[in-house]
Amino acid sequence: AGGSTSYADSVKGRFTVSRDNVKKTVYLQMNSLKPED
């Protein structure tokens, strides 16, 4: 239901995962991108 999320330490604070269960789609918002991404 999107109520809880978890992240790898390497992306925590920069990436955000979300979902839309009506559209049956999951998203990953990636900010402050680094070459190692």
Full PDB file with SEQRES, HELIX, SHEET, SSBOND, CRYST1, ORIGX, SCALE, CONECT and MASTER records, all heavy atoms in Angstrom:
SEQRES   1 A   37  ALA GLY GLY SER THR SER TYR ALA ASP SER VAL LYS GLY          
SEQRES   2 A   37  ARG PHE THR VAL SER ARG ASP ASN VAL LYS LYS THR VAL          
SEQRES   3 A   37  TYR LEU GLN MET ASN SER LEU LYS PRO GLU ASP                  
SHEET    1 AA1 2 PHE A  15  ASP A  20  0                                        
SHEET    2 AA1 2 THR A  25  MET A  30 -1                                        
CRYST1    1.000    1.000    1.000  90.00  90.00  90.00 P 1           1          
ORIGX1      1.000000  0.000000  0.000000        0.00000                         
ORIGX2      0.000000  1.000000  0.000000        0.00000                         
ORIGX3      0.000000  0.000000  1.000000        0.00000                         
SCALE1      1.000000  0.000000  0.000000        0.00000                         
SCALE2      0.000000  1.000000  0.000000        0.00000                         
SCALE3      0.000000  0.000000  1.000000        0.00000                         
ATOM      1  N   ALA A   1       0.810  -1.214   0.000  1.00  0.00           N  
ATOM      2  CA  ALA A   1       0.000   0.000   0.000  1.00  0.00           C  
ATOM      3  C   ALA A   1       0.847   1.270   0.000  1.00  0.00           C  
ATOM      4  O   ALA A   1       0.297   2.374   0.045  1.00  0.00           O  
ATOM      5  CB  ALA A   1      -0.942   0.006   1.195  1.00  0.00           C  
ATOM      6  N   GLY A   2       2.156   1.121  -0.031  1.00  0.00           N  
ATOM      7  CA  GLY A   2       3.039   2.269  -0.054  1.00  0.00           C  
ATOM      8  C   GLY A   2       3.306   2.897   1.296  1.00  0.00           C  
ATOM      9  O   GLY A   2       3.884   3.986   1.363  1.00  0.00           O  
ATOM     10  N   GLY A   3       2.939   2.201   2.371  1.00  0.00           N  
ATOM     11  CA  GLY A   3       3.068   2.781   3.694  1.00  0.00           C  
ATOM     12  C   GLY A   3       4.457   2.735   4.296  1.00  0.00           C  
ATOM     13  O   GLY A   3       4.720   3.440   5.277  1.00  0.00           O  
ATOM     14  N   SER A   4       5.330   1.923   3.744  1.00  0.00           N  
ATOM     15  CA  SER A   4       6.680   1.785   4.279  1.00  0.00           C  
ATOM     16  C   SER A   4       7.654   1.606   3.132  1.00  0.00           C  
ATOM     17  O   SER A   4       7.352   0.905   2.158  1.00  0.00           O  
ATOM     18  CB  SER A   4       6.760   0.595   5.238  1.00  0.00           C  
ATOM     19  OG  SER A   4       8.047   0.490   5.805  1.00  0.00           O  
ATOM     20  N   THR A   5       8.820   2.231   3.240  1.00  0.00           N  
ATOM     21  CA  THR A   5       9.859   2.128   2.224  1.00  0.00           C  
ATOM     22  C   THR A   5      11.195   1.834   2.871  1.00  0.00           C  
ATOM     23  O   THR A   5      11.406   2.103   4.053  1.00  0.00           O  
ATOM     24  CB  THR A   5       9.971   3.412   1.396  1.00  0.00           C  
ATOM     25  OG1 THR A   5      10.262   4.519   2.261  1.00  0.00           O  
ATOM     26  CG2 THR A   5       8.674   3.699   0.653  1.00  0.00           C  
ATOM     27  N   SER A   6      12.116   1.286   2.075  1.00  0.00           N  
ATOM     28  CA  SER A   6      13.466   1.046   2.532  1.00  0.00           C  
ATOM     29  C   SER A   6      14.423   1.304   1.383  1.00  0.00           C  
ATOM     30  O   SER A   6      14.050   1.196   0.210  1.00  0.00           O  
ATOM     31  CB  SER A   6      13.637  -0.379   3.064  1.00  0.00           C  
ATOM     32  OG  SER A   6      13.378  -1.338   2.053  1.00  0.00           O  
ATOM     33  N   TYR A   7      15.682   1.646   1.715  1.00  0.00           N  
ATOM     34  CA  TYR A   7      16.665   2.051   0.722  1.00  0.00           C  
ATOM     35  C   TYR A   7      18.039   1.516   1.062  1.00  0.00           C  
ATOM     36  O   TYR A   7      18.390   1.363   2.236  1.00  0.00           O  
ATOM     37  CB  TYR A   7      16.755   3.580   0.634  1.00  0.00           C  
ATOM     38  CG  TYR A   7      15.454   4.241   0.281  1.00  0.00           C  
ATOM     39  CD1 TYR A   7      14.569   4.652   1.271  1.00  0.00           C  
ATOM     40  CD2 TYR A   7      15.104   4.445  -1.049  1.00  0.00           C  
ATOM     41  CE1 TYR A   7      13.362   5.252   0.942  1.00  0.00           C  
ATOM     42  CE2 TYR A   7      13.903   5.041  -1.385  1.00  0.00           C  
ATOM     43  CZ  TYR A   7      13.035   5.441  -0.384  1.00  0.00           C  
ATOM     44  OH  TYR A   7      11.839   6.032  -0.713  1.00  0.00           O  
ATOM     45  N   ALA A   8      18.817   1.260   0.024  1.00  0.00           N  
ATOM     46  CA  ALA A   8      20.226   0.969   0.222  1.00  0.00           C  
ATOM     47  C   ALA A   8      20.919   2.206   0.777  1.00  0.00           C  
ATOM     48  O   ALA A   8      20.552   3.341   0.457  1.00  0.00           O  
ATOM     49  CB  ALA A   8      20.875   0.558  -1.096  1.00  0.00           C  
ATOM     50  N   ASP A   9      21.936   1.994   1.608  1.00  0.00           N  
ATOM     51  CA  ASP A   9      22.644   3.123   2.206  1.00  0.00           C  
ATOM     52  C   ASP A   9      23.215   4.072   1.149  1.00  0.00           C  
ATOM     53  O   ASP A   9      23.273   5.286   1.366  1.00  0.00           O  
ATOM     54  CB  ASP A   9      23.778   2.622   3.103  1.00  0.00           C  
ATOM     55  CG  ASP A   9      23.277   2.003   4.394  1.00  0.00           C  
ATOM     56  OD1 ASP A   9      22.115   2.253   4.774  1.00  0.00           O  
ATOM     57  OD2 ASP A   9      24.056   1.275   5.032  1.00  0.00           O  
ATOM     58  N   SER A  10      23.603   3.540   0.015  1.00  0.00           N  
ATOM     59  CA  SER A  10      24.232   4.344  -1.023  1.00  0.00           C  
ATOM     60  C   SER A  10      23.288   5.350  -1.677  1.00  0.00           C  
ATOM     61  O   SER A  10      23.752   6.312  -2.293  1.00  0.00           O  
ATOM     62  CB  SER A  10      24.841   3.438  -2.095  1.00  0.00           C  
ATOM     63  OG  SER A  10      23.845   2.620  -2.688  1.00  0.00           O  
ATOM     64  N   VAL A  11      21.971   5.141  -1.563  1.00  0.00           N  
ATOM     65  CA  VAL A  11      21.007   6.034  -2.200  1.00  0.00           C  
ATOM     66  C   VAL A  11      20.099   6.732  -1.202  1.00  0.00           C  
ATOM     67  O   VAL A  11      19.311   7.608  -1.592  1.00  0.00           O  
ATOM     68  CB  VAL A  11      20.151   5.294  -3.246  1.00  0.00           C  
ATOM     69  CG1 VAL A  11      21.038   4.548  -4.230  1.00  0.00           C  
ATOM     70  CG2 VAL A  11      19.172   4.337  -2.577  1.00  0.00           C  
ATOM     71  N   LYS A  12      20.184   6.389   0.062  1.00  0.00           N  
ATOM     72  CA  LYS A  12      19.304   6.952   1.080  1.00  0.00           C  
ATOM     73  C   LYS A  12      19.439   8.473   1.132  1.00  0.00           C  
ATOM     74  O   LYS A  12      20.544   9.010   1.167  1.00  0.00           O  
ATOM     75  CB  LYS A  12      19.626   6.331   2.438  1.00  0.00           C  
ATOM     76  CG  LYS A  12      18.585   6.590   3.514  1.00  0.00           C  
ATOM     77  CD  LYS A  12      18.892   5.764   4.765  1.00  0.00           C  
ATOM     78  CE  LYS A  12      18.861   4.276   4.478  1.00  0.00           C  
ATOM     79  NZ  LYS A  12      19.120   3.459   5.695  1.00  0.00           N  
ATOM     80  N   GLY A  13      18.304   9.155   1.124  1.00  0.00           N  
ATOM     81  CA  GLY A  13      18.286  10.605   1.133  1.00  0.00           C  
ATOM     82  C   GLY A  13      18.279  11.229  -0.239  1.00  0.00           C  
ATOM     83  O   GLY A  13      18.025  12.435  -0.369  1.00  0.00           O  
ATOM     84  N   ARG A  14      18.565  10.448  -1.267  1.00  0.00           N  
ATOM     85  CA  ARG A  14      18.601  10.950  -2.638  1.00  0.00           C  
ATOM     86  C   ARG A  14      17.487  10.354  -3.505  1.00  0.00           C  
ATOM     87  O   ARG A  14      16.980  11.023  -4.405  1.00  0.00           O  
ATOM     88  CB  ARG A  14      19.944  10.656  -3.295  1.00  0.00           C  
ATOM     89  CG  ARG A  14      21.128  11.294  -2.574  1.00  0.00           C  
ATOM     90  CD  ARG A  14      22.429  11.117  -3.358  1.00  0.00           C  
ATOM     91  NE  ARG A  14      22.796   9.710  -3.504  1.00  0.00           N  
ATOM     92  CZ  ARG A  14      22.906   9.076  -4.663  1.00  0.00           C  
ATOM     93  NH1 ARG A  14      22.688   9.735  -5.811  1.00  0.00           N  
ATOM     94  NH2 ARG A  14      23.257   7.794  -4.703  1.00  0.00           N  
ATOM     95  N   PHE A  15      17.123   9.092  -3.257  1.00  0.00           N  
ATOM     96  CA  PHE A  15      16.115   8.395  -4.050  1.00  0.00           C  
ATOM     97  C   PHE A  15      14.838   8.240  -3.237  1.00  0.00           C  
ATOM     98  O   PHE A  15      14.882   8.080  -2.007  1.00  0.00           O  
ATOM     99  CB  PHE A  15      16.603   6.998  -4.452  1.00  0.00           C  
ATOM    100  CG  PHE A  15      17.717   6.958  -5.461  1.00  0.00           C  
ATOM    101  CD1 PHE A  15      18.425   8.093  -5.822  1.00  0.00           C  
ATOM    102  CD2 PHE A  15      18.059   5.748  -6.047  1.00  0.00           C  
ATOM    103  CE1 PHE A  15      19.450   8.042  -6.749  1.00  0.00           C  
ATOM    104  CE2 PHE A  15      19.084   5.675  -6.977  1.00  0.00           C  
ATOM    105  CZ  PHE A  15      19.782   6.824  -7.327  1.00  0.00           C  
ATOM    106  N   THR A  16      13.692   8.236  -3.927  1.00  0.00           N  
ATOM    107  CA  THR A  16      12.397   8.020  -3.302  1.00  0.00           C  
ATOM    108  C   THR A  16      11.584   7.052  -4.151  1.00  0.00           C  
ATOM    109  O   THR A  16      11.372   7.293  -5.340  1.00  0.00           O  
ATOM    110  CB  THR A  16      11.616   9.331  -3.138  1.00  0.00           C  
ATOM    111  OG1 THR A  16      12.383  10.265  -2.380  1.00  0.00           O  
ATOM    112  CG2 THR A  16      10.289   9.072  -2.427  1.00  0.00           C  
ATOM    113  N   VAL A  17      11.121   5.954  -3.540  1.00  0.00           N  
ATOM    114  CA  VAL A  17      10.279   4.992  -4.241  1.00  0.00           C  
ATOM    115  C   VAL A  17       8.816   5.250  -3.873  1.00  0.00           C  
ATOM    116  O   VAL A  17       8.503   5.559  -2.715  1.00  0.00           O  
ATOM    117  CB  VAL A  17      10.698   3.543  -3.918  1.00  0.00           C  
ATOM    118  CG1 VAL A  17      10.560   3.232  -2.429  1.00  0.00           C  
ATOM    119  CG2 VAL A  17       9.918   2.548  -4.757  1.00  0.00           C  
ATOM    120  N   SER A  18       7.924   5.150  -4.853  1.00  0.00           N  
ATOM    121  CA  SER A  18       6.501   5.336  -4.627  1.00  0.00           C  
ATOM    122  C   SER A  18       5.731   4.425  -5.572  1.00  0.00           C  
ATOM    123  O   SER A  18       6.323   3.789  -6.450  1.00  0.00           O  
ATOM    124  CB  SER A  18       6.095   6.797  -4.826  1.00  0.00           C  
ATOM    125  OG  SER A  18       6.362   7.220  -6.152  1.00  0.00           O  
ATOM    126  N   ARG A  19       4.401   4.352  -5.402  1.00  0.00           N  
ATOM    127  CA  ARG A  19       3.611   3.490  -6.285  1.00  0.00           C  
ATOM    128  C   ARG A  19       2.208   4.040  -6.450  1.00  0.00           C  
ATOM    129  O   ARG A  19       1.703   4.784  -5.607  1.00  0.00           O  
ATOM    130  CB  ARG A  19       3.566   2.054  -5.748  1.00  0.00           C  
ATOM    131  CG  ARG A  19       2.817   1.892  -4.435  1.00  0.00           C  
ATOM    132  CD  ARG A  19       3.073   0.509  -3.844  1.00  0.00           C  
ATOM    133  NE  ARG A  19       2.530  -0.553  -4.677  1.00  0.00           N  
ATOM    134  CZ  ARG A  19       2.883  -1.833  -4.603  1.00  0.00           C  
ATOM    135  NH1 ARG A  19       3.813  -2.207  -3.717  1.00  0.00           N  
ATOM    136  NH2 ARG A  19       2.330  -2.737  -5.396  1.00  0.00           N  
ATOM    137  N   ASP A  20       1.577   3.644  -7.561  1.00  0.00           N  
ATOM    138  CA  ASP A  20       0.193   3.978  -7.859  1.00  0.00           C  
ATOM    139  C   ASP A  20      -0.497   2.661  -8.179  1.00  0.00           C  
ATOM    140  O   ASP A  20      -0.292   2.091  -9.251  1.00  0.00           O  
ATOM    141  CB  ASP A  20       0.109   4.943  -9.039  1.00  0.00           C  
ATOM    142  CG  ASP A  20      -1.307   5.411  -9.329  1.00  0.00           C  
ATOM    143  OD1 ASP A  20      -2.264   4.678  -9.039  1.00  0.00           O  
ATOM    144  OD2 ASP A  20      -1.459   6.533  -9.851  1.00  0.00           O  
ATOM    145  N   ASN A  21      -1.294   2.156  -7.246  1.00  0.00           N  
ATOM    146  CA  ASN A  21      -1.906   0.844  -7.420  1.00  0.00           C  
ATOM    147  C   ASN A  21      -3.063   0.851  -8.415  1.00  0.00           C  
ATOM    148  O   ASN A  21      -3.487  -0.208  -8.876  1.00  0.00           O  
ATOM    149  CB  ASN A  21      -2.358   0.290  -6.068  1.00  0.00           C  
ATOM    150  CG  ASN A  21      -1.187  -0.209  -5.233  1.00  0.00           C  
ATOM    151  OD1 ASN A  21      -0.080  -0.375  -5.736  1.00  0.00           O  
ATOM    152  ND2 ASN A  21      -1.427  -0.445  -3.956  1.00  0.00           N  
ATOM    153  N   VAL A  22      -3.605   2.029  -8.743  1.00  0.00           N  
ATOM    154  CA  VAL A  22      -4.618   2.117  -9.787  1.00  0.00           C  
ATOM    155  C   VAL A  22      -3.961   1.962 -11.152  1.00  0.00           C  
ATOM    156  O   VAL A  22      -4.453   1.234 -12.018  1.00  0.00           O  
ATOM    157  CB  VAL A  22      -5.398   3.439  -9.697  1.00  0.00           C  
ATOM    158  CG1 VAL A  22      -6.348   3.576 -10.886  1.00  0.00           C  
ATOM    159  CG2 VAL A  22      -6.166   3.510  -8.389  1.00  0.00           C  
ATOM    160  N   LYS A  23      -2.843   2.641 -11.349  1.00  0.00           N  
ATOM    161  CA  LYS A  23      -2.096   2.534 -12.599  1.00  0.00           C  
ATOM    162  C   LYS A  23      -1.202   1.301 -12.647  1.00  0.00           C  
ATOM    163  O   LYS A  23      -0.618   1.018 -13.697  1.00  0.00           O  
ATOM    164  CB  LYS A  23      -1.244   3.778 -12.809  1.00  0.00           C  
ATOM    165  CG  LYS A  23      -2.048   5.051 -12.985  1.00  0.00           C  
ATOM    166  CD  LYS A  23      -1.133   6.240 -13.226  1.00  0.00           C  
ATOM    167  CE  LYS A  23      -1.923   7.510 -13.455  1.00  0.00           C  
ATOM    168  NZ  LYS A  23      -1.026   8.679 -13.678  1.00  0.00           N  
ATOM    169  N   LYS A  24      -1.078   0.573 -11.529  1.00  0.00           N  
ATOM    170  CA  LYS A  24      -0.215  -0.610 -11.436  1.00  0.00           C  
ATOM    171  C   LYS A  24       1.208  -0.263 -11.848  1.00  0.00           C  
ATOM    172  O   LYS A  24       1.838  -0.947 -12.661  1.00  0.00           O  
ATOM    173  CB  LYS A  24      -0.780  -1.762 -12.266  1.00  0.00           C  
ATOM    174  CG  LYS A  24      -2.156  -2.215 -11.814  1.00  0.00           C  
ATOM    175  CD  LYS A  24      -2.740  -3.287 -12.710  1.00  0.00           C  
ATOM    176  CE  LYS A  24      -1.960  -4.573 -12.633  1.00  0.00           C  
ATOM    177  NZ  LYS A  24      -2.613  -5.649 -13.436  1.00  0.00           N  
ATOM    178  N   THR A  25       1.720   0.807 -11.266  1.00  0.00           N  
ATOM    179  CA  THR A  25       3.036   1.328 -11.607  1.00  0.00           C  
ATOM    180  C   THR A  25       3.800   1.688 -10.339  1.00  0.00           C  
ATOM    181  O   THR A  25       3.224   2.242  -9.402  1.00  0.00           O  
ATOM    182  CB  THR A  25       2.914   2.565 -12.510  1.00  0.00           C  
ATOM    183  OG1 THR A  25       2.213   2.212 -13.710  1.00  0.00           O  
ATOM    184  CG2 THR A  25       4.282   3.111 -12.879  1.00  0.00           C  
ATOM    185  N   VAL A  26       5.092   1.365 -10.320  1.00  0.00           N  
ATOM    186  CA  VAL A  26       5.980   1.778  -9.248  1.00  0.00           C  
ATOM    187  C   VAL A  26       7.006   2.745  -9.826  1.00  0.00           C  
ATOM    188  O   VAL A  26       7.428   2.599 -10.980  1.00  0.00           O  
ATOM    189  CB  VAL A  26       6.648   0.558  -8.564  1.00  0.00           C  
ATOM    190  CG1 VAL A  26       7.480  -0.240  -9.554  1.00  0.00           C  
ATOM    191  CG2 VAL A  26       7.476   0.995  -7.370  1.00  0.00           C  
ATOM    192  N   TYR A  27       7.388   3.747  -9.034  1.00  0.00           N  
ATOM    193  CA  TYR A  27       8.266   4.806  -9.492  1.00  0.00           C  
ATOM    194  C   TYR A  27       9.526   4.875  -8.642  1.00  0.00           C  
ATOM    195  O   TYR A  27       9.534   4.467  -7.475  1.00  0.00           O  
ATOM    196  CB  TYR A  27       7.567   6.166  -9.409  1.00  0.00           C  
ATOM    197  CG  TYR A  27       6.264   6.236 -10.156  1.00  0.00           C  
ATOM    198  CD1 TYR A  27       5.053   6.012  -9.510  1.00  0.00           C  
ATOM    199  CD2 TYR A  27       6.244   6.530 -11.519  1.00  0.00           C  
ATOM    200  CE1 TYR A  27       3.856   6.078 -10.198  1.00  0.00           C  
ATOM    201  CE2 TYR A  27       5.046   6.599 -12.208  1.00  0.00           C  
ATOM    202  CZ  TYR A  27       3.856   6.374 -11.548  1.00  0.00           C  
ATOM    203  OH  TYR A  27       2.671   6.441 -12.237  1.00  0.00           O  
ATOM    204  N   LEU A  28      10.584   5.413  -9.225  1.00  0.00           N  
ATOM    205  CA  LEU A  28      11.805   5.707  -8.486  1.00  0.00           C  
ATOM    206  C   LEU A  28      12.265   7.107  -8.869  1.00  0.00           C  
ATOM    207  O   LEU A  28      12.732   7.323  -9.989  1.00  0.00           O  
ATOM    208  CB  LEU A  28      12.907   4.686  -8.783  1.00  0.00           C  
ATOM    209  CG  LEU A  28      14.180   4.835  -7.946  1.00  0.00           C  
ATOM    210  CD1 LEU A  28      13.897   4.527  -6.475  1.00  0.00           C  
ATOM    211  CD2 LEU A  28      15.294   3.937  -8.466  1.00  0.00           C  
ATOM    212  N   GLN A  29      12.098   8.057  -7.953  1.00  0.00           N  
ATOM    213  CA  GLN A  29      12.584   9.414  -8.150  1.00  0.00           C  
ATOM    214  C   GLN A  29      14.034   9.468  -7.700  1.00  0.00           C  
ATOM    215  O   GLN A  29      14.331   9.171  -6.540  1.00  0.00           O  
ATOM    216  CB  GLN A  29      11.747  10.411  -7.352  1.00  0.00           C  
ATOM    217  CG  GLN A  29      12.218  11.858  -7.463  1.00  0.00           C  
ATOM    218  CD  GLN A  29      12.047  12.426  -8.843  1.00  0.00           C  
ATOM    219  OE1 GLN A  29      10.989  12.276  -9.451  1.00  0.00           O  
ATOM    220  NE2 GLN A  29      13.075  13.075  -9.365  1.00  0.00           N  
ATOM    221  N   MET A  30      14.929   9.854  -8.594  1.00  0.00           N  
ATOM    222  CA  MET A  30      16.359   9.878  -8.317  1.00  0.00           C  
ATOM    223  C   MET A  30      16.856  11.312  -8.416  1.00  0.00           C  
ATOM    224  O   MET A  30      16.794  11.922  -9.486  1.00  0.00           O  
ATOM    225  CB  MET A  30      17.115   8.982  -9.295  1.00  0.00           C  
ATOM    226  CG  MET A  30      16.594   7.550  -9.342  1.00  0.00           C  
ATOM    227  SD  MET A  30      17.615   6.465 -10.382  1.00  0.00           S  
ATOM    228  CE  MET A  30      17.383   7.265 -11.972  1.00  0.00           C  
ATOM    229  N   ASN A  31      17.339  11.847  -7.311  1.00  0.00           N  
ATOM    230  CA  ASN A  31      17.871  13.199  -7.251  1.00  0.00           C  
ATOM    231  C   ASN A  31      19.351  13.163  -6.885  1.00  0.00           C  
ATOM    232  O   ASN A  31      19.857  12.165  -6.381  1.00  0.00           O  
ATOM    233  CB  ASN A  31      17.107  14.033  -6.220  1.00  0.00           C  
ATOM    234  CG  ASN A  31      15.645  14.185  -6.538  1.00  0.00           C  
ATOM    235  OD1 ASN A  31      15.247  14.262  -7.702  1.00  0.00           O  
ATOM    236  ND2 ASN A  31      14.819  14.247  -5.500  1.00  0.00           N  
ATOM    237  N   SER A  32      20.031  14.271  -7.116  1.00  0.00           N  
ATOM    238  CA  SER A  32      21.452  14.402  -6.777  1.00  0.00           C  
ATOM    239  C   SER A  32      22.253  13.223  -7.299  1.00  0.00           C  
ATOM    240  O   SER A  32      23.067  12.622  -6.590  1.00  0.00           O  
ATOM    241  CB  SER A  32      21.617  14.545  -5.258  1.00  0.00           C  
ATOM    242  OG  SER A  32      20.907  15.661  -4.765  1.00  0.00           O  
ATOM    243  N   LEU A  33      22.048  12.897  -8.555  1.00  0.00           N  
ATOM    244  CA  LEU A  33      22.660  11.703  -9.137  1.00  0.00           C  
ATOM    245  C   LEU A  33      24.180  11.822  -9.198  1.00  0.00           C  
ATOM    246  O   LEU A  33      24.727  12.901  -9.422  1.00  0.00           O  
ATOM    247  CB  LEU A  33      22.092  11.448 -10.523  1.00  0.00           C  
ATOM    248  CG  LEU A  33      20.692  10.825 -10.505  1.00  0.00           C  
ATOM    249  CD1 LEU A  33      20.010  11.008 -11.856  1.00  0.00           C  
ATOM    250  CD2 LEU A  33      20.785   9.345 -10.147  1.00  0.00           C  
ATOM    251  N   LYS A  34      24.833  10.685  -8.985  1.00  0.00           N  
ATOM    252  CA  LYS A  34      26.286  10.574  -8.988  1.00  0.00           C  
ATOM    253  C   LYS A  34      26.721   9.608 -10.078  1.00  0.00           C  
ATOM    254  O   LYS A  34      25.955   8.724 -10.474  1.00  0.00           O  
ATOM    255  CB  LYS A  34      26.776  10.057  -7.632  1.00  0.00           C  
ATOM    256  CG  LYS A  34      26.344  10.883  -6.436  1.00  0.00           C  
ATOM    257  CD  LYS A  34      26.780  10.210  -5.142  1.00  0.00           C  
ATOM    258  CE  LYS A  34      26.355  11.009  -3.932  1.00  0.00           C  
ATOM    259  NZ  LYS A  34      26.768  10.344  -2.668  1.00  0.00           N  
ATOM    260  N   PRO A  35      27.964   9.720 -10.567  1.00  0.00           N  
ATOM    261  CA  PRO A  35      28.430   8.769 -11.579  1.00  0.00           C  
ATOM    262  C   PRO A  35      28.299   7.313 -11.140  1.00  0.00           C  
ATOM    263  O   PRO A  35      28.033   6.450 -11.983  1.00  0.00           O  
ATOM    264  CB  PRO A  35      29.900   9.165 -11.771  1.00  0.00           C  
ATOM    265  CG  PRO A  35      29.920  10.626 -11.478  1.00  0.00           C  
ATOM    266  CD  PRO A  35      28.942  10.805 -10.341  1.00  0.00           C  
ATOM    267  N   GLU A  36      28.462   7.023  -9.856  1.00  0.00           N  
ATOM    268  CA  GLU A  36      28.344   5.664  -9.377  1.00  0.00           C  
ATOM    269  C   GLU A  36      26.918   5.123  -9.408  1.00  0.00           C  
ATOM    270  O   GLU A  36      26.693   3.938  -9.152  1.00  0.00           O  
ATOM    271  CB  GLU A  36      28.934   5.516  -7.965  1.00  0.00           C  
ATOM    272  CG  GLU A  36      28.425   6.545  -6.978  1.00  0.00           C  
ATOM    273  CD  GLU A  36      29.374   7.719  -6.805  1.00  0.00           C  
ATOM    274  OE1 GLU A  36      29.859   8.241  -7.837  1.00  0.00           O  
ATOM    275  OE2 GLU A  36      29.636   8.117  -5.658  1.00  0.00           O  
ATOM    276  N   ASP A  37      25.934   5.973  -9.721  1.00  0.00           N  
ATOM    277  CA  ASP A  37      24.565   5.516  -9.919  1.00  0.00           C  
ATOM    278  C   ASP A  37      24.350   4.947 -11.314  1.00  0.00           C  
ATOM    279  O   ASP A  37      23.270   4.409 -11.598  1.00  0.00           O  
ATOM    280  CB  ASP A  37      23.573   6.657  -9.693  1.00  0.00           C  
ATOM    281  CG  ASP A  37      23.571   7.167  -8.261  1.00  0.00           C  
ATOM    282  OD1 ASP A  37      23.619   6.344  -7.327  1.00  0.00           O  
ATOM    283  OD2 ASP A  37      23.509   8.399  -8.078  1.00  0.00           O  
TER     284      ASP A  37                                                      
MASTER        0    0    0    0    2    0    0    6  283    1    0    3          
END                                                                             
